[in-house]
Amino acid sequence: MSTLAGAVVGVSSALVAERIRWRRDQERDGSQTRRVVYSDFLMALSQAHSDMRTVVPQTDRSTGDRLYGDLHQALDGSGIWRLRQSLSLTASAEIIELAVRACDALTQMRDGLIEDPDVRGDSYFQARADLWMENAQLREAMRKDLGMNGPPDPEVGRYRYPAT
């Protein structure tokens, strides 16, 4: 009887240890997946902004429909919408909300550039500051979710307009 009890305790201990190891592996894999999706999303956000800034000063570009199409393509071509869907499968509700706000700031910037295609004007600087703040808050939430240590992102809460 004591042999049977010992076997039950041994098997139970092994199963508990395996379950703990499995859970730890699952958490590590989930964290790695989120890290990749977060990084890809932030890079697409940056790429969309950069591509929009590149479209506006082109001298061979006409205004109106062509500008509208080029700015939409710059945003859509970044892959931001596909990656926002990936976030919906991997991220917390807080991060999804912050990502939506960053995307909204980016689309507001696009729409502002359609109305006033001047990357040196006050309306662009305000749109860029709004995007920068949303992006910084999103990055900080992502860092926290991934358990990254260290000082907070210095850009959170601060954005400076360029000297005029």
C-alpha atoms as a PDB file:
ATOM      1  CA  MET A   1       0.000   0.000   0.000  1.00  0.00           C
ATOM      2  CA  SER A   2       2.805   2.432   0.820  1.00  0.00           C
ATOM      3  CA  THR A   3       4.388   1.645  -2.554  1.00  0.00           C
ATOM      4  CA  LEU A   4       1.155   2.530  -4.288  1.00  0.00           C
ATOM      5  CA  ALA A   5       0.854   5.764  -2.290  1.00  0.00           C
ATOM      6  CA  GLY A   6       4.455   6.635  -3.162  1.00  0.00           C
ATOM      7  CA  ALA A   7       3.779   5.992  -6.848  1.00  0.00           C
ATOM      8  CA  VAL A   8       0.669   8.196  -6.762  1.00  0.00           C
ATOM      9  CA  VAL A   9       2.614  11.013  -5.065  1.00  0.00           C
ATOM     10  CA  GLY A  10       5.486  10.660  -7.548  1.00  0.00           C
ATOM     11  CA  VAL A  11       3.246  10.665 -10.616  1.00  0.00           C
ATOM     12  CA  SER A  12       1.205  13.563  -9.226  1.00  0.00           C
ATOM     13  CA  SER A  13       4.353  15.585  -8.575  1.00  0.00           C
ATOM     14  CA  ALA A  14       5.615  14.922 -12.091  1.00  0.00           C
ATOM     15  CA  LEU A  15       2.270  15.972 -13.592  1.00  0.00           C
ATOM     16  CA  VAL A  16       2.181  19.181 -11.546  1.00  0.00           C
ATOM     17  CA  ALA A  17       5.764  20.012 -12.544  1.00  0.00           C
ATOM     18  CA  GLU A  18       4.969  19.348 -16.209  1.00  0.00           C
ATOM     19  CA  ARG A  19       1.873  21.550 -16.024  1.00  0.00           C
ATOM     20  CA  ILE A  20       3.911  24.381 -14.502  1.00  0.00           C
ATOM     21  CA  ARG A  21       6.571  24.009 -17.215  1.00  0.00           C
ATOM     22  CA  TRP A  22       3.893  23.960 -19.942  1.00  0.00           C
ATOM     23  CA  ARG A  23       2.243  27.112 -18.574  1.00  0.00           C
ATOM     24  CA  ARG A  24       5.611  28.906 -18.403  1.00  0.00           C
ATOM     25  CA  ASP A  25       6.361  27.914 -22.012  1.00  0.00           C
ATOM     26  CA  GLN A  26       2.924  29.128 -23.126  1.00  0.00           C
ATOM     27  CA  GLU A  27       3.461  32.494 -21.434  1.00  0.00           C
ATOM     28  CA  ARG A  28       6.915  32.850 -22.997  1.00  0.00           C
ATOM     29  CA  ASP A  29       5.578  31.976 -26.466  1.00  0.00           C
ATOM     30  CA  GLY A  30       2.685  34.416 -26.050  1.00  0.00           C
ATOM     31  CA  SER A  31       5.044  37.153 -24.974  1.00  0.00           C
ATOM     32  CA  GLN A  32       7.291  36.532 -27.976  1.00  0.00           C
ATOM     33  CA  THR A  33       4.318  36.596 -30.341  1.00  0.00           C
ATOM     34  CA  ARG A  34       3.112  39.892 -28.852  1.00  0.00           C
ATOM     35  CA  ARG A  35       6.627  41.352 -29.112  1.00  0.00           C
ATOM     36  CA  VAL A  36       6.720  40.586 -32.855  1.00  0.00           C
ATOM     37  CA  VAL A  37       3.196  41.897 -33.505  1.00  0.00           C
ATOM     38  CA  TYR A  38       3.841  45.037 -31.436  1.00  0.00           C
ATOM     39  CA  SER A  39       7.100  45.731 -33.230  1.00  0.00           C
ATOM     40  CA  ASP A  40       5.566  45.173 -36.664  1.00  0.00           C
ATOM     41  CA  PHE A  41       2.613  47.419 -35.820  1.00  0.00           C
ATOM     42  CA  LEU A  42       4.827  50.253 -34.570  1.00  0.00           C
ATOM     43  CA  MET A  43       7.052  49.985 -37.639  1.00  0.00           C
ATOM     44  CA  ALA A  44       3.991  50.131 -39.933  1.00  0.00           C
ATOM     45  CA  LEU A  45       2.741  53.189 -38.059  1.00  0.00           C
ATOM     46  CA  SER A  46       6.095  54.869 -38.577  1.00  0.00           C
ATOM     47  CA  GLN A  47       6.263  53.769 -42.227  1.00  0.00           C
ATOM     48  CA  ALA A  48       2.805  55.162 -42.966  1.00  0.00           C
ATOM     49  CA  HIS A  49       3.752  58.528 -41.474  1.00  0.00           C
ATOM     50  CA  SER A  50       7.027  58.613 -43.355  1.00  0.00           C
ATOM     51  CA  ASP A  51       5.391  57.643 -46.650  1.00  0.00           C
ATOM     52  CA  MET A  52       2.736  60.329 -46.259  1.00  0.00           C
ATOM     53  CA  ARG A  53       5.426  62.917 -45.607  1.00  0.00           C
ATOM     54  CA  THR A  54       7.199  61.771 -48.769  1.00  0.00           C
ATOM     55  CA  VAL A  55       4.071  62.100 -50.934  1.00  0.00           C
ATOM     56  CA  VAL A  56       3.282  65.717 -50.068  1.00  0.00           C
ATOM     57  CA  PRO A  57       6.363  67.595 -51.334  1.00  0.00           C
ATOM     58  CA  GLN A  58       6.597  65.777 -54.667  1.00  0.00           C
ATOM     59  CA  THR A  59       6.698  68.462 -57.334  1.00  0.00           C
ATOM     60  CA  ASP A  60       5.224  66.257 -60.077  1.00  0.00           C
ATOM     61  CA  ARG A  61       2.128  65.535 -58.001  1.00  0.00           C
ATOM     62  CA  SER A  62      -1.044  67.417 -58.676  1.00  0.00           C
ATOM     63  CA  THR A  63      -3.516  68.281 -55.976  1.00  0.00           C
ATOM     64  CA  GLY A  64      -7.002  66.882 -55.645  1.00  0.00           C
ATOM     65  CA  ASP A  65      -7.685  63.300 -56.602  1.00  0.00           C
ATOM     66  CA  ARG A  66      -4.049  62.367 -57.173  1.00  0.00           C
ATOM     67  CA  LEU A  67      -2.984  63.653 -53.745  1.00  0.00           C
ATOM     68  CA  TYR A  68      -5.983  61.946 -52.148  1.00  0.00           C
ATOM     69  CA  GLY A  69      -5.055  58.631 -53.791  1.00  0.00           C
ATOM     70  CA  ASP A  70      -1.351  58.907 -53.033  1.00  0.00           C
ATOM     71  CA  LEU A  71      -1.926  59.696 -49.355  1.00  0.00           C
ATOM     72  CA  HIS A  72      -4.438  56.873 -49.005  1.00  0.00           C
ATOM     73  CA  GLN A  73      -1.978  54.494 -50.666  1.00  0.00           C
ATOM     74  CA  ALA A  74       0.813  55.633 -48.349  1.00  0.00           C
ATOM     75  CA  LEU A  75      -1.321  54.777 -45.335  1.00  0.00           C
ATOM     76  CA  ASP A  76      -2.870  51.589 -46.703  1.00  0.00           C
ATOM     77  CA  GLY A  77       0.390  50.353 -48.215  1.00  0.00           C
ATOM     78  CA  SER A  78       2.099  50.342 -44.817  1.00  0.00           C
ATOM     79  CA  GLY A  79       0.111  47.275 -43.747  1.00  0.00           C
ATOM     80  CA  ILE A  80      -1.202  49.099 -40.681  1.00  0.00           C
ATOM     81  CA  TRP A  81      -4.761  47.784 -41.063  1.00  0.00           C
ATOM     82  CA  ARG A  82      -3.672  44.155 -41.392  1.00  0.00           C
ATOM     83  CA  LEU A  83      -1.438  44.521 -38.348  1.00  0.00           C
ATOM     84  CA  ARG A  84      -4.218  46.175 -36.357  1.00  0.00           C
ATOM     85  CA  GLN A  85      -6.197  42.973 -36.922  1.00  0.00           C
ATOM     86  CA  SER A  86      -3.219  40.952 -35.650  1.00  0.00           C
ATOM     87  CA  LEU A  87      -3.239  43.080 -32.508  1.00  0.00           C
ATOM     88  CA  SER A  88      -6.879  42.169 -31.952  1.00  0.00           C
ATOM     89  CA  LEU A  89      -5.806  38.526 -31.635  1.00  0.00           C
ATOM     90  CA  THR A  90      -2.787  39.023 -29.399  1.00  0.00           C
ATOM     91  CA  ALA A  91      -3.095  42.217 -27.372  1.00  0.00           C
ATOM     92  CA  SER A  92      -5.051  43.307 -24.333  1.00  0.00           C
ATOM     93  CA  ALA A  93      -8.093  45.569 -24.648  1.00  0.00           C
ATOM     94  CA  GLU A  94      -6.024  48.509 -23.362  1.00  0.00           C
ATOM     95  CA  ILE A  95      -3.400  48.112 -26.074  1.00  0.00           C
ATOM     96  CA  ILE A  96      -6.023  47.637 -28.779  1.00  0.00           C
ATOM     97  CA  GLU A  97      -7.709  50.867 -27.660  1.00  0.00           C
ATOM     98  CA  LEU A  98      -4.386  52.741 -27.727  1.00  0.00           C
ATOM     99  CA  ALA A  99      -3.596  51.299 -31.175  1.00  0.00           C
ATOM    100  CA  VAL A 100      -6.979  52.452 -32.476  1.00  0.00           C
ATOM    101  CA  ARG A 101      -6.269  55.939 -31.121  1.00  0.00           C
ATOM    102  CA  ALA A 102      -2.862  55.956 -32.856  1.00  0.00           C
ATOM    103  CA  CYS A 103      -4.493  54.845 -36.129  1.00  0.00           C
ATOM    104  CA  ASP A 104      -7.138  57.543 -35.718  1.00  0.00           C
ATOM    105  CA  ALA A 105      -4.402  60.168 -35.233  1.00  0.00           C
ATOM    106  CA  LEU A 106      -2.671  58.876 -38.356  1.00  0.00           C
ATOM    107  CA  THR A 107      -5.856  59.045 -40.451  1.00  0.00           C
ATOM    108  CA  GLN A 108      -6.549  62.535 -39.122  1.00  0.00           C
ATOM    109  CA  MET A 109      -3.048  63.506 -40.235  1.00  0.00           C
ATOM    110  CA  ARG A 110      -3.742  62.033 -43.692  1.00  0.00           C
ATOM    111  CA  ASP A 111      -7.037  63.881 -43.962  1.00  0.00           C
ATOM    112  CA  GLY A 112      -5.372  67.104 -42.815  1.00  0.00           C
ATOM    113  CA  LEU A 113      -2.672  66.725 -45.466  1.00  0.00           C
ATOM    114  CA  ILE A 114      -5.348  66.245 -48.117  1.00  0.00           C
ATOM    115  CA  GLU A 115      -6.935  69.535 -47.047  1.00  0.00           C
ATOM    116  CA  ASP A 116      -3.655  71.408 -46.521  1.00  0.00           C
ATOM    117  CA  PRO A 117      -0.655  69.626 -48.088  1.00  0.00           C
ATOM    118  CA  ASP A 118       2.008  71.525 -46.160  1.00  0.00           C
ATOM    119  CA  VAL A 119       4.369  69.542 -43.921  1.00  0.00           C
ATOM    120  CA  ARG A 120       5.744  72.827 -42.552  1.00  0.00           C
ATOM    121  CA  GLY A 121       2.421  74.300 -41.476  1.00  0.00           C
ATOM    122  CA  ASP A 122       0.889  74.534 -38.032  1.00  0.00           C
ATOM    123  CA  SER A 123      -1.913  72.086 -38.819  1.00  0.00           C
ATOM    124  CA  TYR A 124       0.614  69.413 -39.799  1.00  0.00           C
ATOM    125  CA  PHE A 125       2.726  70.080 -36.700  1.00  0.00           C
ATOM    126  CA  GLN A 126      -0.354  69.729 -34.491  1.00  0.00           C
ATOM    127  CA  ALA A 127      -1.383  66.492 -36.221  1.00  0.00           C
ATOM    128  CA  ARG A 128       2.156  65.169 -35.880  1.00  0.00           C
ATOM    129  CA  ALA A 129       2.241  66.083 -32.192  1.00  0.00           C
ATOM    130  CA  ASP A 130      -1.071  64.260 -31.657  1.00  0.00           C
ATOM    131  CA  LEU A 131       0.246  61.188 -33.477  1.00  0.00           C
ATOM    132  CA  TRP A 132       3.499  61.327 -31.534  1.00  0.00           C
ATOM    133  CA  MET A 133       1.662  61.409 -28.206  1.00  0.00           C
ATOM    134  CA  GLU A 134      -0.639  58.516 -29.116  1.00  0.00           C
ATOM    135  CA  ASN A 135       2.317  56.521 -30.402  1.00  0.00           C
ATOM    136  CA  ALA A 136       4.341  57.186 -27.248  1.00  0.00           C
ATOM    137  CA  GLN A 137       1.466  56.118 -24.988  1.00  0.00           C
ATOM    138  CA  LEU A 138       0.994  52.970 -27.054  1.00  0.00           C
ATOM    139  CA  ARG A 139       4.709  52.109 -26.913  1.00  0.00           C
ATOM    140  CA  GLU A 140       4.758  52.584 -23.151  1.00  0.00           C
ATOM    141  CA  ALA A 141       1.739  50.283 -22.677  1.00  0.00           C
ATOM    142  CA  MET A 142       3.373  47.694 -24.923  1.00  0.00           C
ATOM    143  CA  ARG A 143       6.621  47.886 -22.949  1.00  0.00           C
ATOM    144  CA  LYS A 144       4.685  47.402 -19.716  1.00  0.00           C
ATOM    145  CA  ASP A 145       2.764  44.448 -21.155  1.00  0.00           C
ATOM    146  CA  LEU A 146       6.018  42.786 -22.196  1.00  0.00           C
ATOM    147  CA  GLY A 147       7.487  43.291 -18.724  1.00  0.00           C
ATOM    148  CA  MET A 148      10.275  45.536 -19.942  1.00  0.00           C
ATOM    149  CA  ASN A 149      12.199  47.158 -17.149  1.00  0.00           C
ATOM    150  CA  GLY A 150      13.933  50.455 -17.153  1.00  0.00           C
ATOM    151  CA  PRO A 151      12.887  54.057 -17.183  1.00  0.00           C
ATOM    152  CA  PRO A 152       9.687  55.006 -18.985  1.00  0.00           C
ATOM    153  CA  ASP A 153       9.810  56.226 -22.554  1.00  0.00           C
ATOM    154  CA  PRO A 154      11.002  59.850 -22.278  1.00  0.00           C
ATOM    155  CA  GLU A 155       8.675  60.926 -25.083  1.00  0.00           C
ATOM    156  CA  VAL A 156       5.502  60.051 -23.176  1.00  0.00           C
ATOM    157  CA  GLY A 157       3.801  63.259 -22.156  1.00  0.00           C
ATOM    158  CA  ARG A 158       6.146  65.529 -24.075  1.00  0.00           C
ATOM    159  CA  TYR A 159       6.355  66.674 -27.625  1.00  0.00           C
ATOM    160  CA  ARG A 160       8.140  69.733 -28.854  1.00  0.00           C
ATOM    161  CA  TYR A 161       7.120  71.711 -31.889  1.00  0.00           C
ATOM    162  CA  PRO A 162      10.026  72.523 -34.157  1.00  0.00           C
ATOM    163  CA  ALA A 163      11.645  75.892 -33.663  1.00  0.00           C
ATOM    164  CA  THR A 164      10.173  78.397 -36.106  1.00  0.00           C
END
